[in-house]
Every structure is written in structure tokens, then in C-alpha cells.
């Protein structure tokens, strides 16, 4: 069970980090529906909170698995 949650956090973090990388690059020229979660600023804030939450869960589960 812990391994499944750890793996899900791992994959989710990789996806979110790769999704967030082109912050002010070429992706800004495409309108990929940035208003899905609201304004661009609130979308960025929600994604930052999700990344931090998943990072903390990932680190806690990694420590738990190391025991």
C-alpha cells in the first residue's frame, strides 16, 4: 500500500514538474486553456501547493520505506 502511494506521488511529481518548467518560455505563446482552474495566478498558486504537498508526502513515505 505504501509502495503504491509512493509510486503515485513519484509519477505525479515528475509530471507536475515537467508541466511547470516552461513558465516564461515558448509555451506562453500557446493558449492551452490556462483558465481551466481560474486566473493564471491562481492556477500557478494551486499547482505550487500541490507540488509542495506531494513533495512532503513523497519524502515522508521515502523515510518510512527506509526503516
C-alpha atoms as a PDB file:
ATOM      1  CA  UNK A   1       0.000   0.000   0.000  1.00  0.00           C
ATOM      2  CA  UNK A   2       2.777   2.423   0.944  1.00  0.00           C
ATOM      3  CA  UNK A   3       4.672   1.481  -2.201  1.00  0.00           C
ATOM      4  CA  UNK A   4       1.653   2.278  -4.374  1.00  0.00           C
ATOM      5  CA  UNK A   5       1.137   5.701  -2.784  1.00  0.00           C
ATOM      6  CA  UNK A   6       4.877   6.402  -3.011  1.00  0.00           C
ATOM      7  CA  UNK A   7       4.913   5.461  -6.702  1.00  0.00           C
ATOM      8  CA  UNK A   8       1.839   7.617  -7.411  1.00  0.00           C
ATOM      9  CA  UNK A   9       3.480  10.615  -5.692  1.00  0.00           C
ATOM     10  CA  UNK A  10       6.661   9.969  -7.634  1.00  0.00           C
ATOM     11  CA  UNK A  11       4.964   9.899 -11.028  1.00  0.00           C
ATOM     12  CA  UNK A  12       2.726  12.853 -10.159  1.00  0.00           C
ATOM     13  CA  UNK A  13       5.686  14.978  -9.097  1.00  0.00           C
ATOM     14  CA  UNK A  14       7.596  14.187 -12.261  1.00  0.00           C
ATOM     15  CA  UNK A  15       4.590  15.101 -14.385  1.00  0.00           C
ATOM     16  CA  UNK A  16       3.841  18.318 -12.478  1.00  0.00           C
ATOM     17  CA  UNK A  17       7.464  19.482 -12.522  1.00  0.00           C
ATOM     18  CA  UNK A  18       7.739  18.862 -16.244  1.00  0.00           C
ATOM     19  CA  UNK A  19       4.390  20.609 -16.737  1.00  0.00           C
ATOM     20  CA  UNK A  20       5.556  23.640 -14.761  1.00  0.00           C
ATOM     21  CA  UNK A  21       9.008  24.063 -16.391  1.00  0.00           C
ATOM     22  CA  UNK A  22       8.093  26.253 -19.384  1.00  0.00           C
ATOM     23  CA  UNK A  23       6.926  29.095 -17.163  1.00  0.00           C
ATOM     24  CA  UNK A  24       8.001  32.001 -19.386  1.00  0.00           C
ATOM     25  CA  UNK A  25       9.191  30.176 -22.446  1.00  0.00           C
ATOM     26  CA  UNK A  26       7.664  29.058 -25.685  1.00  0.00           C
ATOM     27  CA  UNK A  27       4.590  27.528 -24.050  1.00  0.00           C
ATOM     28  CA  UNK A  28       3.340  31.013 -23.279  1.00  0.00           C
ATOM     29  CA  UNK A  29       2.605  31.538 -26.952  1.00  0.00           C
ATOM     30  CA  UNK A  30       0.108  28.687 -26.984  1.00  0.00           C
ATOM     31  CA  UNK A  31      -3.281  29.109 -25.372  1.00  0.00           C
ATOM     32  CA  UNK A  32      -3.654  25.711 -23.780  1.00  0.00           C
ATOM     33  CA  UNK A  33      -6.598  26.659 -21.609  1.00  0.00           C
ATOM     34  CA  UNK A  34      -4.753  28.346 -18.781  1.00  0.00           C
ATOM     35  CA  UNK A  35      -8.093  29.454 -17.360  1.00  0.00           C
ATOM     36  CA  UNK A  36      -9.141  25.896 -16.501  1.00  0.00           C
ATOM     37  CA  UNK A  37      -8.547  26.468 -12.775  1.00  0.00           C
ATOM     38  CA  UNK A  38      -9.230  30.205 -12.826  1.00  0.00           C
ATOM     39  CA  UNK A  39      -6.813  33.025 -13.442  1.00  0.00           C
ATOM     40  CA  UNK A  40      -3.198  32.182 -14.352  1.00  0.00           C
ATOM     41  CA  UNK A  41      -2.006  33.367 -10.937  1.00  0.00           C
ATOM     42  CA  UNK A  42      -4.462  31.178  -9.017  1.00  0.00           C
ATOM     43  CA  UNK A  43      -3.580  28.239 -11.280  1.00  0.00           C
ATOM     44  CA  UNK A  44       0.101  28.752 -10.507  1.00  0.00           C
ATOM     45  CA  UNK A  45      -0.612  29.008  -6.777  1.00  0.00           C
ATOM     46  CA  UNK A  46      -2.693  25.814  -6.784  1.00  0.00           C
ATOM     47  CA  UNK A  47      -0.017  23.922  -8.705  1.00  0.00           C
ATOM     48  CA  UNK A  48       2.672  25.169  -6.303  1.00  0.00           C
ATOM     49  CA  UNK A  49       0.621  23.969  -3.334  1.00  0.00           C
ATOM     50  CA  UNK A  50       0.068  20.590  -4.972  1.00  0.00           C
ATOM     51  CA  UNK A  51       3.785  20.196  -5.759  1.00  0.00           C
ATOM     52  CA  UNK A  52       4.746  21.047  -2.164  1.00  0.00           C
ATOM     53  CA  UNK A  53       2.137  18.664  -0.746  1.00  0.00           C
ATOM     54  CA  UNK A  54       3.267  15.804  -2.983  1.00  0.00           C
ATOM     55  CA  UNK A  55       6.918  16.549  -2.179  1.00  0.00           C
ATOM     56  CA  UNK A  56       6.280  16.327   1.571  1.00  0.00           C
ATOM     57  CA  UNK A  57       4.263  13.120   1.189  1.00  0.00           C
ATOM     58  CA  UNK A  58       6.970  11.647  -1.056  1.00  0.00           C
ATOM     59  CA  UNK A  59       9.746  12.476   1.420  1.00  0.00           C
ATOM     60  CA  UNK A  60       7.772  11.130   4.385  1.00  0.00           C
ATOM     61  CA  UNK A  61       6.987   7.899   2.587  1.00  0.00           C
ATOM     62  CA  UNK A  62      10.613   7.562   1.441  1.00  0.00           C
ATOM     63  CA  UNK A  63      11.731   7.863   5.053  1.00  0.00           C
ATOM     64  CA  UNK A  64       9.115   5.355   6.140  1.00  0.00           C
ATOM     65  CA  UNK A  65      10.219   2.895   3.454  1.00  0.00           C
ATOM     66  CA  UNK A  66      13.848   3.236   4.548  1.00  0.00           C
ATOM     67  CA  UNK A  67      13.036   1.969   8.037  1.00  0.00           C
END
